[in-house]
Amino acid sequence: MQRPAGIGAFEFVILASLRAAQLMRGCRPKIDGFHKNTVIAQLEVAQGKVGAQSAEEAALEALPDTGPAAEEPVPALVAG
């Protein structure tokens, strides 16, 4: 798989892994073909179908939904 010239190996892997996570959650592929989600993600990044903007959105979506309980202070960490 040939990665684009402007993307380093590390960034390619991160983008592809974030996109693969989106595909596994049910997002529609941006390319045609019958491949595993990881291969589709790599192909999409290599062809420029997804980039850093969509990867940043994927990272935010991957964060757990903590809800209002996360805003309450943890008793062991509150100075008293």
N, C-alpha and C. Protein backbone atom coordinates (compact mmCIF):
# COMPACT_ATOMS: atom_id res chain seq x y z
N MET A 1 0.85 -1.17 0.00
CA MET A 1 0.00 0.00 0.00
C MET A 1 0.90 1.24 0.00
N GLN A 2 0.67 2.11 -0.92
CA GLN A 2 1.49 3.32 -1.06
C GLN A 2 0.79 4.47 -0.35
N ARG A 3 1.44 5.05 0.64
CA ARG A 3 0.84 6.19 1.33
C ARG A 3 1.16 7.48 0.58
N PRO A 4 0.31 8.48 0.72
CA PRO A 4 0.55 9.76 0.04
C PRO A 4 1.87 10.38 0.49
N ALA A 5 2.47 11.18 -0.38
CA ALA A 5 3.78 11.78 -0.10
C ALA A 5 3.74 12.72 1.09
N GLY A 6 2.64 13.42 1.31
CA GLY A 6 2.56 14.40 2.39
C GLY A 6 2.25 13.82 3.75
N ILE A 7 2.08 12.51 3.85
CA ILE A 7 1.70 11.87 5.12
C ILE A 7 2.81 10.92 5.55
N GLY A 8 3.29 11.10 6.77
CA GLY A 8 4.30 10.21 7.32
C GLY A 8 3.70 8.88 7.70
N ALA A 9 4.56 7.91 7.95
CA ALA A 9 4.09 6.56 8.28
C ALA A 9 3.25 6.54 9.55
N PHE A 10 3.69 7.28 10.57
CA PHE A 10 2.96 7.30 11.83
C PHE A 10 1.57 7.90 11.63
N GLU A 11 1.51 9.04 10.95
CA GLU A 11 0.22 9.69 10.71
C GLU A 11 -0.70 8.80 9.88
N PHE A 12 -0.13 8.09 8.90
CA PHE A 12 -0.92 7.18 8.07
C PHE A 12 -1.57 6.10 8.94
N VAL A 13 -0.78 5.53 9.84
CA VAL A 13 -1.30 4.46 10.71
C VAL A 13 -2.39 5.00 11.63
N ILE A 14 -2.17 6.19 12.20
CA ILE A 14 -3.16 6.77 13.10
C ILE A 14 -4.46 7.08 12.34
N LEU A 15 -4.33 7.71 11.19
CA LEU A 15 -5.52 8.04 10.40
C LEU A 15 -6.29 6.77 10.01
N ALA A 16 -5.56 5.77 9.55
CA ALA A 16 -6.21 4.52 9.13
C ALA A 16 -6.88 3.81 10.31
N SER A 17 -6.25 3.83 11.47
CA SER A 17 -6.85 3.15 12.63
C SER A 17 -8.10 3.88 13.10
N LEU A 18 -8.07 5.21 13.09
CA LEU A 18 -9.26 5.97 13.47
C LEU A 18 -10.39 5.75 12.47
N ARG A 19 -10.05 5.71 11.19
CA ARG A 19 -11.07 5.47 10.17
C ARG A 19 -11.63 4.05 10.27
N ALA A 20 -10.77 3.08 10.56
CA ALA A 20 -11.23 1.70 10.73
C ALA A 20 -12.22 1.61 11.89
N ALA A 21 -11.95 2.34 12.96
CA ALA A 21 -12.88 2.36 14.09
C ALA A 21 -14.23 2.93 13.68
N GLN A 22 -14.22 3.98 12.85
CA GLN A 22 -15.48 4.53 12.34
C GLN A 22 -16.23 3.50 11.51
N LEU A 23 -15.51 2.81 10.65
CA LEU A 23 -16.15 1.80 9.80
C LEU A 23 -16.74 0.67 10.62
N MET A 24 -16.05 0.28 11.68
CA MET A 24 -16.55 -0.80 12.53
C MET A 24 -17.79 -0.38 13.30
N ARG A 25 -17.94 0.93 13.54
CA ARG A 25 -19.13 1.44 14.22
C ARG A 25 -20.29 1.65 13.26
N GLY A 26 -20.07 1.42 11.96
CA GLY A 26 -21.17 1.48 11.01
C GLY A 26 -21.10 2.59 9.97
N CYS A 27 -20.05 3.39 9.96
CA CYS A 27 -19.92 4.42 8.92
C CYS A 27 -19.79 3.75 7.55
N ARG A 28 -20.29 4.44 6.54
CA ARG A 28 -20.23 3.89 5.19
C ARG A 28 -18.86 4.14 4.58
N PRO A 29 -18.33 3.14 3.88
CA PRO A 29 -17.03 3.32 3.20
C PRO A 29 -17.14 4.34 2.08
N LYS A 30 -16.05 5.04 1.81
CA LYS A 30 -16.01 6.04 0.75
C LYS A 30 -15.42 5.47 -0.53
N ILE A 31 -15.12 4.17 -0.54
CA ILE A 31 -14.62 3.50 -1.73
C ILE A 31 -15.45 2.24 -1.96
N ASP A 32 -15.43 1.74 -3.18
CA ASP A 32 -16.13 0.50 -3.50
C ASP A 32 -15.19 -0.67 -3.35
N GLY A 33 -15.76 -1.82 -3.06
CA GLY A 33 -14.97 -3.03 -2.97
C GLY A 33 -15.35 -3.85 -1.75
N PHE A 34 -14.93 -5.09 -1.76
CA PHE A 34 -15.22 -5.99 -0.65
C PHE A 34 -13.91 -6.32 0.04
N HIS A 35 -13.60 -5.53 1.07
CA HIS A 35 -12.39 -5.72 1.85
C HIS A 35 -12.75 -5.64 3.32
N LYS A 36 -11.81 -6.04 4.16
CA LYS A 36 -11.99 -5.86 5.59
C LYS A 36 -11.93 -4.37 5.91
N ASN A 37 -12.52 -4.00 7.04
CA ASN A 37 -12.57 -2.58 7.42
C ASN A 37 -11.18 -1.95 7.52
N THR A 38 -10.20 -2.71 8.00
CA THR A 38 -8.86 -2.15 8.13
C THR A 38 -8.24 -1.84 6.77
N VAL A 39 -8.49 -2.69 5.80
CA VAL A 39 -7.96 -2.47 4.45
C VAL A 39 -8.69 -1.31 3.79
N ILE A 40 -10.02 -1.25 3.97
CA ILE A 40 -10.78 -0.13 3.41
C ILE A 40 -10.26 1.18 3.98
N ALA A 41 -10.01 1.22 5.29
CA ALA A 41 -9.51 2.44 5.93
C ALA A 41 -8.16 2.85 5.35
N GLN A 42 -7.27 1.90 5.15
CA GLN A 42 -5.96 2.20 4.58
C GLN A 42 -6.09 2.72 3.15
N LEU A 43 -6.96 2.10 2.37
CA LEU A 43 -7.17 2.54 1.00
C LEU A 43 -7.75 3.94 0.95
N GLU A 44 -8.69 4.23 1.84
CA GLU A 44 -9.29 5.56 1.88
C GLU A 44 -8.25 6.64 2.21
N VAL A 45 -7.39 6.34 3.18
CA VAL A 45 -6.34 7.31 3.54
C VAL A 45 -5.35 7.45 2.38
N ALA A 46 -4.96 6.34 1.78
CA ALA A 46 -3.99 6.37 0.67
C ALA A 46 -4.53 7.13 -0.53
N GLN A 47 -5.84 7.04 -0.77
CA GLN A 47 -6.45 7.74 -1.91
C GLN A 47 -6.88 9.16 -1.58
N GLY A 48 -6.68 9.58 -0.34
CA GLY A 48 -7.04 10.94 0.05
C GLY A 48 -8.52 11.14 0.30
N LYS A 49 -9.26 10.06 0.48
CA LYS A 49 -10.71 10.17 0.73
C LYS A 49 -10.99 10.65 2.15
N VAL A 50 -10.08 10.38 3.08
CA VAL A 50 -10.19 10.87 4.45
C VAL A 50 -8.86 11.50 4.82
N GLY A 51 -8.90 12.43 5.74
CA GLY A 51 -7.67 13.11 6.14
C GLY A 51 -7.68 13.45 7.61
N ALA A 52 -6.82 14.37 8.00
CA ALA A 52 -6.66 14.71 9.40
C ALA A 52 -7.93 15.29 9.99
N GLN A 53 -8.69 16.06 9.23
CA GLN A 53 -9.92 16.65 9.75
C GLN A 53 -10.88 15.56 10.19
N SER A 54 -11.12 14.56 9.34
CA SER A 54 -12.05 13.49 9.70
C SER A 54 -11.45 12.60 10.78
N ALA A 55 -10.13 12.49 10.84
CA ALA A 55 -9.49 11.69 11.90
C ALA A 55 -9.66 12.37 13.25
N GLU A 56 -9.58 13.70 13.26
CA GLU A 56 -9.78 14.42 14.51
C GLU A 56 -11.21 14.23 15.00
N GLU A 57 -12.17 14.26 14.09
CA GLU A 57 -13.56 14.01 14.45
C GLU A 57 -13.73 12.58 14.97
N ALA A 58 -13.04 11.64 14.36
CA ALA A 58 -13.11 10.24 14.79
C ALA A 58 -12.55 10.09 16.21
N ALA A 59 -11.47 10.80 16.49
CA ALA A 59 -10.88 10.72 17.83
C ALA A 59 -11.85 11.25 18.87
N LEU A 60 -12.54 12.34 18.54
CA LEU A 60 -13.51 12.88 19.49
C LEU A 60 -14.69 11.94 19.67
N GLU A 61 -15.12 11.28 18.60
CA GLU A 61 -16.22 10.32 18.70
C GLU A 61 -15.82 9.09 19.51
N ALA A 62 -14.54 8.75 19.50
CA ALA A 62 -14.07 7.56 20.19
C ALA A 62 -14.00 7.76 21.69
N LEU A 63 -14.00 9.02 22.15
CA LEU A 63 -13.96 9.27 23.58
C LEU A 63 -15.24 8.77 24.22
N PRO A 64 -15.14 8.18 25.42
CA PRO A 64 -16.34 7.69 26.08
C PRO A 64 -17.24 8.85 26.51
N ASP A 65 -18.53 8.62 26.47
CA ASP A 65 -19.49 9.62 26.92
C ASP A 65 -19.57 9.52 28.43
N THR A 66 -19.02 10.49 29.12
CA THR A 66 -18.95 10.42 30.58
C THR A 66 -20.17 11.01 31.24
N GLY A 67 -20.90 11.85 30.57
CA GLY A 67 -22.12 12.42 31.12
C GLY A 67 -21.84 13.41 32.24
N PRO A 68 -22.89 13.82 32.97
CA PRO A 68 -22.73 14.84 34.00
C PRO A 68 -21.92 14.37 35.21
N ALA A 69 -21.83 13.07 35.45
CA ALA A 69 -21.09 12.57 36.61
C ALA A 69 -19.61 12.92 36.53
N ALA A 70 -19.08 13.09 35.35
CA ALA A 70 -17.66 13.40 35.19
C ALA A 70 -17.34 14.83 35.64
N GLU A 71 -18.35 15.68 35.71
CA GLU A 71 -18.11 17.06 36.12
C GLU A 71 -18.01 17.20 37.62
N GLU A 72 -18.46 16.21 38.38
CA GLU A 72 -18.39 16.27 39.83
C GLU A 72 -16.96 15.98 40.27
N PRO A 73 -16.45 16.69 41.27
CA PRO A 73 -15.09 16.45 41.73
C PRO A 73 -14.95 15.08 42.39
N VAL A 74 -13.80 14.51 42.26
CA VAL A 74 -13.51 13.23 42.91
C VAL A 74 -13.13 13.54 44.36
N PRO A 75 -13.81 12.96 45.34
CA PRO A 75 -13.58 13.32 46.73
C PRO A 75 -12.13 13.17 47.19
N ALA A 76 -11.42 12.17 46.71
CA ALA A 76 -10.04 11.95 47.14
C ALA A 76 -9.10 13.05 46.63
N LEU A 77 -9.50 13.78 45.59
CA LEU A 77 -8.62 14.77 45.00
C LEU A 77 -8.99 16.21 45.41
N VAL A 78 -10.07 16.39 46.15
CA VAL A 78 -10.51 17.72 46.54
C VAL A 78 -9.75 18.15 47.80
N ALA A 79 -9.15 19.32 47.72
CA ALA A 79 -8.43 19.83 48.90
C ALA A 79 -9.45 20.29 49.92
N GLY A 80 -9.22 19.95 51.16
CA GLY A 80 -10.24 20.31 52.14
C GLY A 80 -9.73 20.94 53.31
